[in-house]
């Protein structure tokens, strides 16, 4: 059997991408815009979206961040930004499990580093 990932990796050719008019898009403030029409970028984005079933990969980097027993997490960037509302709610739940401030490093749609934090006293913060 052929998996979806191997099908995309092995069968999605330059000609097919052009014939189907496929492209990579991104959110640009209020609308979606074409970010890349290069066939390899299209193939790679589709393959990335198929790995992990579309769920973001979050890695625990440090359980004693800056010597304060705070949890530092990092989103493994694939070009797809996190849903920030969902991320904030998730940080609240992780705080309940960890019992200390939780940090999450990710990127915004412009691919600039974004640091989200949560603890009950100060609530949600973005750095």
PDB file of N, CA and C in Angstrom:
ATOM      1  N   UNK A   1       0.833  -1.191   0.000  1.00  0.00           N
ATOM      2  CA  UNK A   1       0.000   0.000   0.000  1.00  0.00           C
ATOM      3  C   UNK A   1       0.873   1.249   0.000  1.00  0.00           C
ATOM      4  N   UNK A   2       0.332   2.255  -0.615  1.00  0.00           N
ATOM      5  CA  UNK A   2       1.035   3.529  -0.700  1.00  0.00           C
ATOM      6  C   UNK A   2       0.389   4.496   0.287  1.00  0.00           C
ATOM      7  N   UNK A   3       1.203   5.097   1.125  1.00  0.00           N
ATOM      8  CA  UNK A   3       0.641   6.077   2.054  1.00  0.00           C
ATOM      9  C   UNK A   3       0.455   7.409   1.333  1.00  0.00           C
ATOM     10  N   UNK A   4      -0.365   8.255   1.927  1.00  0.00           N
ATOM     11  CA  UNK A   4      -0.579   9.581   1.352  1.00  0.00           C
ATOM     12  C   UNK A   4       0.737  10.336   1.242  1.00  0.00           C
ATOM     13  N   UNK A   5       1.576  10.209   2.258  1.00  0.00           N
ATOM     14  CA  UNK A   5       2.856  10.910   2.265  1.00  0.00           C
ATOM     15  C   UNK A   5       3.756  10.440   1.131  1.00  0.00           C
ATOM     16  N   UNK A   6       3.880   9.138   0.950  1.00  0.00           N
ATOM     17  CA  UNK A   6       4.741   8.651  -0.135  1.00  0.00           C
ATOM     18  C   UNK A   6       4.158   8.997  -1.500  1.00  0.00           C
ATOM     19  N   UNK A   7       2.829   9.026  -1.612  1.00  0.00           N
ATOM     20  CA  UNK A   7       2.199   9.431  -2.869  1.00  0.00           C
ATOM     21  C   UNK A   7       2.580  10.873  -3.208  1.00  0.00           C
ATOM     22  N   UNK A   8       2.471  11.768  -2.238  1.00  0.00           N
ATOM     23  CA  UNK A   8       2.823  13.174  -2.465  1.00  0.00           C
ATOM     24  C   UNK A   8       4.306  13.288  -2.780  1.00  0.00           C
ATOM     25  N   UNK A   9       5.147  12.638  -1.998  1.00  0.00           N
ATOM     26  CA  UNK A   9       6.598  12.736  -2.190  1.00  0.00           C
ATOM     27  C   UNK A   9       7.044  12.182  -3.547  1.00  0.00           C
ATOM     28  N   UNK A  10       6.435  11.089  -3.976  1.00  0.00           N
ATOM     29  CA  UNK A  10       6.928  10.397  -5.174  1.00  0.00           C
ATOM     30  C   UNK A  10       6.182  10.725  -6.458  1.00  0.00           C
ATOM     31  N   UNK A  11       4.948  11.156  -6.367  1.00  0.00           N
ATOM     32  CA  UNK A  11       4.142  11.311  -7.575  1.00  0.00           C
ATOM     33  C   UNK A  11       3.751  12.746  -7.908  1.00  0.00           C
ATOM     34  N   UNK A  12       3.908  13.663  -6.973  1.00  0.00           N
ATOM     35  CA  UNK A  12       3.533  15.049  -7.244  1.00  0.00           C
ATOM     36  C   UNK A  12       4.680  15.719  -8.000  1.00  0.00           C
ATOM     37  N   UNK A  13       4.516  15.845  -9.292  1.00  0.00           N
ATOM     38  CA  UNK A  13       5.566  16.371 -10.171  1.00  0.00           C
ATOM     39  C   UNK A  13       5.345  17.856 -10.452  1.00  0.00           C
ATOM     40  N   UNK A  14       6.340  18.462 -11.035  1.00  0.00           N
ATOM     41  CA  UNK A  14       6.241  19.865 -11.439  1.00  0.00           C
ATOM     42  C   UNK A  14       5.064  20.064 -12.396  1.00  0.00           C
ATOM     43  N   UNK A  15       4.929  19.162 -13.354  1.00  0.00           N
ATOM     44  CA  UNK A  15       3.862  19.267 -14.344  1.00  0.00           C
ATOM     45  C   UNK A  15       2.486  19.162 -13.693  1.00  0.00           C
ATOM     46  N   UNK A  16       2.330  18.242 -12.748  1.00  0.00           N
ATOM     47  CA  UNK A  16       1.052  18.060 -12.074  1.00  0.00           C
ATOM     48  C   UNK A  16       0.687  19.283 -11.234  1.00  0.00           C
ATOM     49  N   UNK A  17       1.668  19.837 -10.531  1.00  0.00           N
ATOM     50  CA  UNK A  17       1.420  21.040  -9.736  1.00  0.00           C
ATOM     51  C   UNK A  17       0.978  22.189 -10.636  1.00  0.00           C
ATOM     52  N   UNK A  18       1.637  22.334 -11.784  1.00  0.00           N
ATOM     53  CA  UNK A  18       1.275  23.397 -12.709  1.00  0.00           C
ATOM     54  C   UNK A  18      -0.100  23.145 -13.335  1.00  0.00           C
ATOM     55  N   UNK A  19      -0.380  21.910 -13.741  1.00  0.00           N
ATOM     56  CA  UNK A  19      -1.672  21.578 -14.346  1.00  0.00           C
ATOM     57  C   UNK A  19      -2.831  21.816 -13.376  1.00  0.00           C
ATOM     58  N   UNK A  20      -2.617  21.490 -12.112  1.00  0.00           N
ATOM     59  CA  UNK A  20      -3.665  21.650 -11.101  1.00  0.00           C
ATOM     60  C   UNK A  20      -3.680  23.048 -10.481  1.00  0.00           C
ATOM     61  N   UNK A  21      -2.717  23.864 -10.892  1.00  0.00           N
ATOM     62  CA  UNK A  21      -2.581  25.226 -10.365  1.00  0.00           C
ATOM     63  C   UNK A  21      -2.540  25.223  -8.832  1.00  0.00           C
ATOM     64  N   UNK A  22      -1.655  24.400  -8.292  1.00  0.00           N
ATOM     65  CA  UNK A  22      -1.482  24.314  -6.845  1.00  0.00           C
ATOM     66  C   UNK A  22      -0.493  25.376  -6.379  1.00  0.00           C
ATOM     67  N   UNK A  23      -0.639  25.795  -5.136  1.00  0.00           N
ATOM     68  CA  UNK A  23       0.262  26.798  -4.572  1.00  0.00           C
ATOM     69  C   UNK A  23       0.211  26.731  -3.057  1.00  0.00           C
ATOM     70  N   UNK A  24       1.190  27.364  -2.426  1.00  0.00           N
ATOM     71  CA  UNK A  24       1.232  27.516  -0.975  1.00  0.00           C
ATOM     72  C   UNK A  24       0.649  28.887  -0.670  1.00  0.00           C
ATOM     73  N   UNK A  25      -0.215  28.951   0.326  1.00  0.00           N
ATOM     74  CA  UNK A  25      -0.823  30.228   0.675  1.00  0.00           C
ATOM     75  C   UNK A  25      -0.497  30.570   2.127  1.00  0.00           C
ATOM     76  N   UNK A  26      -0.716  31.829   2.457  1.00  0.00           N
ATOM     77  CA  UNK A  26      -0.538  32.298   3.831  1.00  0.00           C
ATOM     78  C   UNK A  26      -1.572  33.386   4.101  1.00  0.00           C
ATOM     79  N   UNK A  27      -1.812  33.607   5.366  1.00  0.00           N
ATOM     80  CA  UNK A  27      -2.749  34.659   5.765  1.00  0.00           C
ATOM     81  C   UNK A  27      -1.993  35.982   5.765  1.00  0.00           C
ATOM     82  N   UNK A  28      -2.540  36.970   5.098  1.00  0.00           N
ATOM     83  CA  UNK A  28      -1.946  38.306   5.027  1.00  0.00           C
ATOM     84  C   UNK A  28      -2.940  39.293   5.624  1.00  0.00           C
ATOM     85  N   UNK A  29      -2.867  39.478   6.913  1.00  0.00           N
ATOM     86  CA  UNK A  29      -3.749  40.342   7.690  1.00  0.00           C
ATOM     87  C   UNK A  29      -5.193  39.885   7.568  1.00  0.00           C
ATOM     88  N   UNK A  30      -5.910  40.252   6.493  1.00  0.00           N
ATOM     89  CA  UNK A  30      -7.333  39.957   6.395  1.00  0.00           C
ATOM     90  C   UNK A  30      -7.701  38.921   5.339  1.00  0.00           C
ATOM     91  N   UNK A  31      -6.739  38.488   4.557  1.00  0.00           N
ATOM     92  CA  UNK A  31      -7.064  37.556   3.480  1.00  0.00           C
ATOM     93  C   UNK A  31      -5.949  36.556   3.266  1.00  0.00           C
ATOM     94  N   UNK A  32      -6.265  35.525   2.509  1.00  0.00           N
ATOM     95  CA  UNK A  32      -5.278  34.524   2.150  1.00  0.00           C
ATOM     96  C   UNK A  32      -4.651  34.938   0.821  1.00  0.00           C
ATOM     97  N   UNK A  33      -3.318  34.846   0.760  1.00  0.00           N
ATOM     98  CA  UNK A  33      -2.605  35.220  -0.463  1.00  0.00           C
ATOM     99  C   UNK A  33      -1.651  34.094  -0.854  1.00  0.00           C
ATOM    100  N   UNK A  34      -1.325  34.048  -2.125  1.00  0.00           N
ATOM    101  CA  UNK A  34      -0.375  33.053  -2.615  1.00  0.00           C
ATOM    102  C   UNK A  34       1.011  33.428  -2.112  1.00  0.00           C
ATOM    103  N   UNK A  35       1.655  32.473  -1.440  1.00  0.00           N
ATOM    104  CA  UNK A  35       2.985  32.708  -0.891  1.00  0.00           C
ATOM    105  C   UNK A  35       4.068  32.102  -1.781  1.00  0.00           C
ATOM    106  N   UNK A  36       3.738  30.997  -2.460  1.00  0.00           N
ATOM    107  CA  UNK A  36       4.756  30.324  -3.274  1.00  0.00           C
ATOM    108  C   UNK A  36       4.068  29.412  -4.280  1.00  0.00           C
ATOM    109  N   UNK A  37       4.533  29.438  -5.534  1.00  0.00           N
ATOM    110  CA  UNK A  37       3.990  28.554  -6.562  1.00  0.00           C
ATOM    111  C   UNK A  37       5.031  27.538  -7.029  1.00  0.00           C
ATOM    112  N   UNK A  38       6.213  27.572  -6.416  1.00  0.00           N
ATOM    113  CA  UNK A  38       7.261  26.615  -6.762  1.00  0.00           C
ATOM    114  C   UNK A  38       6.772  25.201  -6.455  1.00  0.00           C
ATOM    115  N   UNK A  39       6.896  24.292  -7.396  1.00  0.00           N
ATOM    116  CA  UNK A  39       6.326  22.959  -7.238  1.00  0.00           C
ATOM    117  C   UNK A  39       6.924  22.213  -6.054  1.00  0.00           C
ATOM    118  N   UNK A  40       8.217  22.423  -5.798  1.00  0.00           N
ATOM    119  CA  UNK A  40       8.841  21.735  -4.660  1.00  0.00           C
ATOM    120  C   UNK A  40       8.317  22.281  -3.332  1.00  0.00           C
ATOM    121  N   UNK A  41       8.067  23.579  -3.280  1.00  0.00           N
ATOM    122  CA  UNK A  41       7.495  24.175  -2.065  1.00  0.00           C
ATOM    123  C   UNK A  41       6.094  23.626  -1.822  1.00  0.00           C
ATOM    124  N   UNK A  42       5.313  23.471  -2.895  1.00  0.00           N
ATOM    125  CA  UNK A  42       3.966  22.905  -2.784  1.00  0.00           C
ATOM    126  C   UNK A  42       4.058  21.462  -2.286  1.00  0.00           C
ATOM    127  N   UNK A  43       4.904  20.677  -2.917  1.00  0.00           N
ATOM    128  CA  UNK A  43       5.072  19.273  -2.516  1.00  0.00           C
ATOM    129  C   UNK A  43       5.504  19.171  -1.057  1.00  0.00           C
ATOM    130  N   UNK A  44       6.487  19.979  -0.673  1.00  0.00           N
ATOM    131  CA  UNK A  44       6.995  19.919   0.693  1.00  0.00           C
ATOM    132  C   UNK A  44       5.949  20.350   1.719  1.00  0.00           C
ATOM    133  N   UNK A  45       5.146  21.359   1.389  1.00  0.00           N
ATOM    134  CA  UNK A  45       4.101  21.800   2.318  1.00  0.00           C
ATOM    135  C   UNK A  45       3.047  20.715   2.486  1.00  0.00           C
ATOM    136  N   UNK A  46       2.641  20.099   1.382  1.00  0.00           N
ATOM    137  CA  UNK A  46       1.670  19.009   1.480  1.00  0.00           C
ATOM    138  C   UNK A  46       2.226  17.854   2.311  1.00  0.00           C
ATOM    139  N   UNK A  47       3.480  17.520   2.091  1.00  0.00           N
ATOM    140  CA  UNK A  47       4.104  16.434   2.848  1.00  0.00           C
ATOM    141  C   UNK A  47       4.188  16.791   4.331  1.00  0.00           C
ATOM    142  N   UNK A  48       4.533  18.019   4.624  1.00  0.00           N
ATOM    143  CA  UNK A  48       4.612  18.469   6.017  1.00  0.00           C
ATOM    144  C   UNK A  48       3.248  18.396   6.682  1.00  0.00           C
ATOM    145  N   UNK A  49       2.214  18.822   5.972  1.00  0.00           N
ATOM    146  CA  UNK A  49       0.866  18.786   6.537  1.00  0.00           C
ATOM    147  C   UNK A  49       0.394  17.353   6.796  1.00  0.00           C
ATOM    148  N   UNK A  50       0.927  16.395   6.057  1.00  0.00           N
ATOM    149  CA  UNK A  50       0.528  15.004   6.252  1.00  0.00           C
ATOM    150  C   UNK A  50       1.275  14.338   7.398  1.00  0.00           C
ATOM    151  N   UNK A  51       2.438  14.834   7.747  1.00  0.00           N
ATOM    152  CA  UNK A  51       3.180  14.238   8.856  1.00  0.00           C
ATOM    153  C   UNK A  51       2.564  14.687  10.166  1.00  0.00           C
ATOM    154  N   UNK A  52       2.439  13.790  11.094  1.00  0.00           N
ATOM    155  CA  UNK A  52       1.837  14.113  12.378  1.00  0.00           C
ATOM    156  C   UNK A  52       0.349  14.373  12.271  1.00  0.00           C
ATOM    157  N   UNK A  53      -0.261  13.984  11.145  1.00  0.00           N
ATOM    158  CA  UNK A  53      -1.694  14.163  10.930  1.00  0.00           C
ATOM    159  C   UNK A  53      -2.117  15.618  11.071  1.00  0.00           C
ATOM    160  N   UNK A  54      -1.220  16.545  10.735  1.00  0.00           N
ATOM    161  CA  UNK A  54      -1.545  17.960  10.781  1.00  0.00           C
ATOM    162  C   UNK A  54      -1.427  18.588  12.160  1.00  0.00           C
ATOM    163  N   UNK A  55      -1.108  17.784  13.192  1.00  0.00           N
ATOM    164  CA  UNK A  55      -0.938  18.329  14.534  1.00  0.00           C
ATOM    165  C   UNK A  55       0.433  18.964  14.653  1.00  0.00           C
ATOM    166  N   UNK A  56       0.532  20.088  15.328  1.00  0.00           N
ATOM    167  CA  UNK A  56       1.843  20.720  15.513  1.00  0.00           C
ATOM    168  C   UNK A  56       2.717  19.879  16.437  1.00  0.00           C
ATOM    169  N   UNK A  57       4.005  19.981  16.247  1.00  0.00           N
ATOM    170  CA  UNK A  57       4.957  19.283  17.104  1.00  0.00           C
ATOM    171  C   UNK A  57       5.445  20.282  18.146  1.00  0.00           C
ATOM    172  N   UNK A  58       5.201  19.965  19.420  1.00  0.00           N
ATOM    173  CA  UNK A  58       5.617  20.802  20.534  1.00  0.00           C
ATOM    174  C   UNK A  58       6.609  19.984  21.352  1.00  0.00           C
ATOM    175  N   UNK A  59       7.786  20.566  21.617  1.00  0.00           N
ATOM    176  CA  UNK A  59       8.853  19.869  22.325  1.00  0.00           C
ATOM    177  C   UNK A  59       9.083  20.536  23.671  1.00  0.00           C
ATOM    178  N   UNK A  60       9.187  19.721  24.717  1.00  0.00           N
ATOM    179  CA  UNK A  60       9.567  20.239  26.033  1.00  0.00           C
ATOM    180  C   UNK A  60      11.081  20.447  26.024  1.00  0.00           C
ATOM    181  N   UNK A  61      11.512  21.700  26.122  1.00  0.00           N
ATOM    182  CA  UNK A  61      12.926  22.045  26.034  1.00  0.00           C
ATOM    183  C   UNK A  61      13.582  22.099  27.408  1.00  0.00           C
ATOM    184  N   UNK A  62      12.869  22.646  28.391  1.00  0.00           N
ATOM    185  CA  UNK A  62      13.469  22.850  29.709  1.00  0.00           C
ATOM    186  C   UNK A  62      12.390  22.798  30.786  1.00  0.00           C
ATOM    187  N   UNK A  63      12.571  21.932  31.763  1.00  0.00           N
ATOM    188  CA  UNK A  63      11.640  21.825  32.878  1.00  0.00           C
ATOM    189  C   UNK A  63      12.046  22.655  34.080  1.00  0.00           C
ATOM    190  N   UNK A  64      13.179  23.331  33.961  1.00  0.00           N
ATOM    191  CA  UNK A  64      13.664  24.218  35.031  1.00  0.00           C
ATOM    192  C   UNK A  64      14.145  25.514  34.392  1.00  0.00           C
ATOM    193  N   UNK A  65      13.272  26.108  33.592  1.00  0.00           N
ATOM    194  CA  UNK A  65      13.630  27.297  32.821  1.00  0.00           C
ATOM    195  C   UNK A  65      14.100  28.416  33.750  1.00  0.00           C
ATOM    196  N   UNK A  66      15.286  28.911  33.461  1.00  0.00           N
ATOM    197  CA  UNK A  66      15.932  29.983  34.219  1.00  0.00           C
ATOM    198  C   UNK A  66      15.981  29.681  35.718  1.00  0.00           C
ATOM    199  N   UNK A  67      16.071  28.390  36.069  1.00  0.00           N
ATOM    200  CA  UNK A  67      16.209  27.975  37.453  1.00  0.00           C
ATOM    201  C   UNK A  67      14.971  28.190  38.306  1.00  0.00           C
ATOM    202  N   UNK A  68      13.796  28.334  37.657  1.00  0.00           N
ATOM    203  CA  UNK A  68      12.564  28.623  38.404  1.00  0.00           C
ATOM    204  C   UNK A  68      11.540  27.491  38.330  1.00  0.00           C
ATOM    205  N   UNK A  69      11.947  26.322  37.848  1.00  0.00           N
ATOM    206  CA  UNK A  69      11.062  25.163  37.685  1.00  0.00           C
ATOM    207  C   UNK A  69       9.880  25.457  36.764  1.00  0.00           C
ATOM    208  N   UNK A  70      10.041  26.440  35.881  1.00  0.00           N
ATOM    209  CA  UNK A  70       9.019  26.754  34.881  1.00  0.00           C
ATOM    210  C   UNK A  70       9.262  25.894  33.647  1.00  0.00           C
ATOM    211  N   UNK A  71       8.214  25.628  32.913  1.00  0.00           N
ATOM    212  CA  UNK A  71       8.284  24.749  31.753  1.00  0.00           C
ATOM    213  C   UNK A  71       8.417  25.567  30.472  1.00  0.00           C
ATOM    214  N   UNK A  72       9.461  25.275  29.690  1.00  0.00           N
ATOM    215  CA  UNK A  72       9.690  25.959  28.421  1.00  0.00           C
ATOM    216  C   UNK A  72       9.435  24.972  27.291  1.00  0.00           C
ATOM    217  N   UNK A  73       8.479  25.304  26.426  1.00  0.00           N
ATOM    218  CA  UNK A  73       8.104  24.477  25.279  1.00  0.00           C
ATOM    219  C   UNK A  73       8.454  25.194  23.987  1.00  0.00           C
ATOM    220  N   UNK A  74       8.734  24.435  22.946  1.00  0.00           N
ATOM    221  CA  UNK A  74       9.025  25.031  21.636  1.00  0.00           C
ATOM    222  C   UNK A  74       8.198  24.329  20.568  1.00  0.00           C
ATOM    223  N   UNK A  75       7.555  25.140  19.745  1.00  0.00           N
ATOM    224  CA  UNK A  75       6.810  24.655  18.582  1.00  0.00           C
ATOM    225  C   UNK A  75       7.813  24.449  17.458  1.00  0.00           C
ATOM    226  N   UNK A  76       7.892  23.236  16.933  1.00  0.00           N
ATOM    227  CA  UNK A  76       8.779  22.949  15.810  1.00  0.00           C
ATOM    228  C   UNK A  76       8.148  23.539  14.550  1.00  0.00           C
ATOM    229  N   UNK A  77       8.712  24.623  14.068  1.00  0.00           N
ATOM    230  CA  UNK A  77       8.134  25.394  12.968  1.00  0.00           C
ATOM    231  C   UNK A  77       8.162  24.617  11.665  1.00  0.00           C
ATOM    232  N   UNK A  78       7.008  24.526  11.016  1.00  0.00           N
ATOM    233  CA  UNK A  78       6.886  23.865   9.711  1.00  0.00           C
ATOM    234  C   UNK A  78       6.358  24.826   8.660  1.00  0.00           C
ATOM    235  N   UNK A  79       6.262  26.106   9.035  1.00  0.00           N
ATOM    236  CA  UNK A  79       5.694  27.083   8.130  1.00  0.00           C
ATOM    237  C   UNK A  79       4.220  27.316   8.387  1.00  0.00           C
ATOM    238  N   UNK A  80       3.660  26.569   9.306  1.00  0.00           N
ATOM    239  CA  UNK A  80       2.233  26.688   9.617  1.00  0.00           C
ATOM    240  C   UNK A  80       2.100  27.209  11.048  1.00  0.00           C
ATOM    241  N   UNK A  81       1.548  28.431  11.217  1.00  0.00           N
ATOM    242  CA  UNK A  81       1.448  28.991  12.568  1.00  0.00           C
ATOM    243  C   UNK A  81       0.413  28.272  13.423  1.00  0.00           C
ATOM    244  N   UNK A  82       0.615  28.365  14.723  1.00  0.00           N
ATOM    245  CA  UNK A  82      -0.340  27.795  15.671  1.00  0.00           C
ATOM    246  C   UNK A  82      -1.602  28.645  15.731  1.00  0.00           C
ATOM    247  N   UNK A  83      -2.684  28.036  16.094  1.00  0.00           N
ATOM    248  CA  UNK A  83      -3.914  28.745  16.402  1.00  0.00           C
ATOM    249  C   UNK A  83      -3.701  29.342  17.792  1.00  0.00           C
ATOM    250  N   UNK A  84      -3.532  30.655  17.884  1.00  0.00           N
ATOM    251  CA  UNK A  84      -3.141  31.282  19.146  1.00  0.00           C
ATOM    252  C   UNK A  84      -4.212  31.163  20.226  1.00  0.00           C
ATOM    253  N   UNK A  85      -5.473  31.249  19.873  1.00  0.00           N
ATOM    254  CA  UNK A  85      -6.533  31.104  20.874  1.00  0.00           C
ATOM    255  C   UNK A  85      -6.491  29.698  21.488  1.00  0.00           C
ATOM    256  N   UNK A  86      -6.306  28.702  20.657  1.00  0.00           N
ATOM    257  CA  UNK A  86      -6.211  27.321  21.130  1.00  0.00           C
ATOM    258  C   UNK A  86      -4.937  27.144  21.954  1.00  0.00           C
ATOM    259  N   UNK A  87      -3.842  27.760  21.523  1.00  0.00           N
ATOM    260  CA  UNK A  87      -2.565  27.655  22.243  1.00  0.00           C
ATOM    261  C   UNK A  87      -2.663  28.246  23.639  1.00  0.00           C
ATOM    262  N   UNK A  88      -3.322  29.389  23.755  1.00  0.00           N
ATOM    263  CA  UNK A  88      -3.476  30.025  25.068  1.00  0.00           C
ATOM    264  C   UNK A  88      -4.269  29.129  26.016  1.00  0.00           C
ATOM    265  N   UNK A  89      -5.343  28.557  25.516  1.00  0.00           N
ATOM    266  CA  UNK A  89      -6.162  27.668  26.349  1.00  0.00           C
ATOM    267  C   UNK A  89      -5.359  26.432  26.751  1.00  0.00           C
ATOM    268  N   UNK A  90      -4.561  25.922  25.829  1.00  0.00           N
ATOM    269  CA  UNK A  90      -3.726  24.755  26.117  1.00  0.00           C
ATOM    270  C   UNK A  90      -2.697  25.078  27.190  1.00  0.00           C
ATOM    271  N   UNK A  91      -2.101  26.277  27.131  1.00  0.00           N
ATOM    272  CA  UNK A  91      -1.134  26.678  28.158  1.00  0.00           C
ATOM    273  C   UNK A  91      -1.787  26.698  29.542  1.00  0.00           C
ATOM    274  N   UNK A  92      -3.031  27.101  29.621  1.00  0.00           N
ATOM    275  CA  UNK A  92      -3.742  27.085  30.907  1.00  0.00           C
ATOM    276  C   UNK A  92      -3.830  25.661  31.456  1.00  0.00           C
ATOM    277  N   UNK A  93      -4.156  24.717  30.593  1.00  0.00           N
ATOM    278  CA  UNK A  93      -4.267  23.320  31.026  1.00  0.00           C
ATOM    279  C   UNK A  93      -2.906  22.753  31.418  1.00  0.00           C
ATOM    280  N   UNK A  94      -1.875  23.107  30.664  1.00  0.00           N
ATOM    281  CA  UNK A  94      -0.528  22.631  31.002  1.00  0.00           C
ATOM    282  C   UNK A  94      -0.093  23.229  32.338  1.00  0.00           C
ATOM    283  N   UNK A  95      -0.436  24.484  32.582  1.00  0.00           N
ATOM    284  CA  UNK A  95      -0.112  25.099  33.869  1.00  0.00           C
ATOM    285  C   UNK A  95      -0.741  24.292  35.014  1.00  0.00           C
ATOM    286  N   UNK A  96      -1.987  23.886  34.841  1.00  0.00           N
ATOM    287  CA  UNK A  96      -2.657  23.106  35.891  1.00  0.00           C
ATOM    288  C   UNK A  96      -1.912  21.811  36.173  1.00  0.00           C
ATOM    289  N   UNK A  97      -1.329  21.202  35.165  1.00  0.00           N
ATOM    290  CA  UNK A  97      -0.561  19.967  35.353  1.00  0.00           C
ATOM    291  C   UNK A  97       0.831  20.244  35.927  1.00  0.00           C
ATOM    292  N   UNK A  98       1.481  21.290  35.416  1.00  0.00           N
ATOM    293  CA  UNK A  98       2.867  21.581  35.801  1.00  0.00           C
ATOM    294  C   UNK A  98       2.941  22.320  37.134  1.00  0.00           C
ATOM    295  N   UNK A  99       2.006  23.229  37.359  1.00  0.00           N
ATOM    296  CA  UNK A  99       1.966  23.966  38.614  1.00  0.00           C
ATOM    297  C   UNK A  99       2.836  25.207  38.651  1.00  0.00           C
ATOM    298  N   UNK A 100       3.453  25.527  37.554  1.00  0.00           N
ATOM    299  CA  UNK A 100       4.306  26.716  37.445  1.00  0.00           C
ATOM    300  C   UNK A 100       4.089  27.367  36.079  1.00  0.00           C
ATOM    301  N   UNK A 101       4.672  28.557  35.915  1.00  0.00           N
ATOM    302  CA  UNK A 101       4.567  29.301  34.652  1.00  0.00           C
ATOM    303  C   UNK A 101       5.003  28.422  33.483  1.00  0.00           C
ATOM    304  N   UNK A 102       4.270  28.564  32.373  1.00  0.00           N
ATOM    305  CA  UNK A 102       4.548  27.802  31.154  1.00  0.00           C
ATOM    306  C   UNK A 102       4.879  28.780  30.038  1.00  0.00           C
ATOM    307  N   UNK A 103       5.931  28.476  29.298  1.00  0.00           N
ATOM    308  CA  UNK A 103       6.400  29.285  28.173  1.00  0.00           C
ATOM    309  C   UNK A 103       6.251  28.468  26.899  1.00  0.00           C
ATOM    310  N   UNK A 104       5.855  29.117  25.814  1.00  0.00           N
ATOM    311  CA  UNK A 104       5.769  28.450  24.512  1.00  0.00           C
ATOM    312  C   UNK A 104       6.359  29.359  23.452  1.00  0.00           C
ATOM    313  N   UNK A 105       7.445  28.877  22.837  1.00  0.00           N
ATOM    314  CA  UNK A 105       8.074  29.622  21.747  1.00  0.00           C
ATOM    315  C   UNK A 105       7.529  29.107  20.424  1.00  0.00           C
ATOM    316  N   UNK A 106       7.088  30.032  19.586  1.00  0.00           N
ATOM    317  CA  UNK A 106       6.570  29.690  18.264  1.00  0.00           C
ATOM    318  C   UNK A 106       6.932  30.823  17.314  1.00  0.00           C
ATOM    319  N   UNK A 107       6.267  30.877  16.189  1.00  0.00           N
ATOM    320  CA  UNK A 107       6.457  31.976  15.240  1.00  0.00           C
ATOM    321  C   UNK A 107       5.095  32.490  14.816  1.00  0.00           C
ATOM    322  N   UNK A 108       5.044  33.761  14.470  1.00  0.00           N
ATOM    323  CA  UNK A 108       3.805  34.327  13.939  1.00  0.00           C
ATOM    324  C   UNK A 108       3.778  34.101  12.430  1.00  0.00           C
ATOM    325  N   UNK A 109       2.683  34.451  11.752  1.00  0.00           N
ATOM    326  CA  UNK A 109       2.613  34.210  10.302  1.00  0.00           C
ATOM    327  C   UNK A 109       3.731  34.876   9.494  1.00  0.00           C
ATOM    328  N   UNK A 110       4.351  35.924  10.044  1.00  0.00           N
ATOM    329  CA  UNK A 110       5.468  36.573   9.353  1.00  0.00           C
ATOM    330  C   UNK A 110       6.793  35.884   9.678  1.00  0.00           C
ATOM    331  N   UNK A 111       6.720  34.764  10.411  1.00  0.00           N
ATOM    332  CA  UNK A 111       7.860  33.941  10.805  1.00  0.00           C
ATOM    333  C   UNK A 111       8.797  34.641  11.777  1.00  0.00           C
ATOM    334  N   UNK A 112       8.250  35.567  12.568  1.00  0.00           N
ATOM    335  CA  UNK A 112       9.014  36.201  13.637  1.00  0.00           C
ATOM    336  C   UNK A 112       8.763  35.406  14.917  1.00  0.00           C
ATOM    337  N   UNK A 113       9.797  35.289  15.758  1.00  0.00           N
ATOM    338  CA  UNK A 113       9.659  34.535  17.000  1.00  0.00           C
ATOM    339  C   UNK A 113       8.627  35.179  17.907  1.00  0.00           C
ATOM    340  N   UNK A 114       7.790  34.344  18.478  1.00  0.00           N
ATOM    341  CA  UNK A 114       6.730  34.776  19.385  1.00  0.00           C
ATOM    342  C   UNK A 114       6.811  33.890  20.619  1.00  0.00           C
ATOM    343  N   UNK A 115       6.803  34.510  21.795  1.00  0.00           N
ATOM    344  CA  UNK A 115       6.884  33.770  23.042  1.00  0.00           C
ATOM    345  C   UNK A 115       5.603  33.998  23.834  1.00  0.00           C
ATOM    346  N   UNK A 116       4.852  32.928  24.059  1.00  0.00           N
ATOM    347  CA  UNK A 116       3.615  32.986  24.821  1.00  0.00           C
ATOM    348  C   UNK A 116       3.888  32.458  26.222  1.00  0.00           C
ATOM    349  N   UNK A 117       3.281  33.072  27.234  1.00  0.00           N
ATOM    350  CA  UNK A 117       3.413  32.571  28.598  1.00  0.00           C
ATOM    351  C   UNK A 117       2.060  32.579  29.275  1.00  0.00           C
ATOM    352  N   UNK A 118       1.971  31.747  30.320  1.00  0.00           N
ATOM    353  CA  UNK A 118       0.764  31.767  31.144  1.00  0.00           C
ATOM    354  C   UNK A 118       1.104  31.392  32.571  1.00  0.00           C
ATOM    355  N   UNK A 119       0.539  32.169  33.486  1.00  0.00           N
ATOM    356  CA  UNK A 119       0.439  31.816  34.908  1.00  0.00           C
ATOM    357  C   UNK A 119      -0.736  32.608  35.448  1.00  0.00           C
ATOM    358  N   UNK A 120      -1.477  32.058  36.414  1.00  0.00           N
ATOM    359  CA  UNK A 120      -2.721  32.696  36.857  1.00  0.00           C
ATOM    360  C   UNK A 120      -2.563  34.142  37.327  1.00  0.00           C
ATOM    361  N   UNK A 121      -1.505  34.470  38.029  1.00  0.00           N
ATOM    362  CA  UNK A 121      -1.350  35.841  38.559  1.00  0.00           C
ATOM    363  C   UNK A 121      -1.260  36.910  37.491  1.00  0.00           C
ATOM    364  N   UNK A 122      -0.579  36.605  36.405  1.00  0.00           N
ATOM    365  CA  UNK A 122      -0.399  37.586  35.334  1.00  0.00           C
ATOM    366  C   UNK A 122      -1.213  37.265  34.090  1.00  0.00           C
ATOM    367  N   UNK A 123      -1.752  36.058  34.031  1.00  0.00           N
ATOM    368  CA  UNK A 123      -2.538  35.662  32.869  1.00  0.00           C
ATOM    369  C   UNK A 123      -1.662  35.366  31.666  1.00  0.00           C
ATOM    370  N   UNK A 124      -2.191  35.626  30.492  1.00  0.00           N
ATOM    371  CA  UNK A 124      -1.471  35.373  29.239  1.00  0.00           C
ATOM    372  C   UNK A 124      -0.627  36.585  28.878  1.00  0.00           C
ATOM    373  N   UNK A 125       0.584  36.320  28.408  1.00  0.00           N
ATOM    374  CA  UNK A 125       1.465  37.389  27.930  1.00  0.00           C
ATOM    375  C   UNK A 125       2.106  36.940  26.627  1.00  0.00           C
ATOM    376  N   UNK A 126       2.416  37.909  25.787  1.00  0.00           N
ATOM    377  CA  UNK A 126       3.162  37.663  24.548  1.00  0.00           C
ATOM    378  C   UNK A 126       4.419  38.493  24.575  1.00  0.00           C
ATOM    379  N   UNK A 127       5.529  37.861  24.253  1.00  0.00           N
ATOM    380  CA  UNK A 127       6.830  38.556  24.243  1.00  0.00           C
ATOM    381  C   UNK A 127       7.426  38.472  22.860  1.00  0.00           C
TER     382      UNK A 127
END
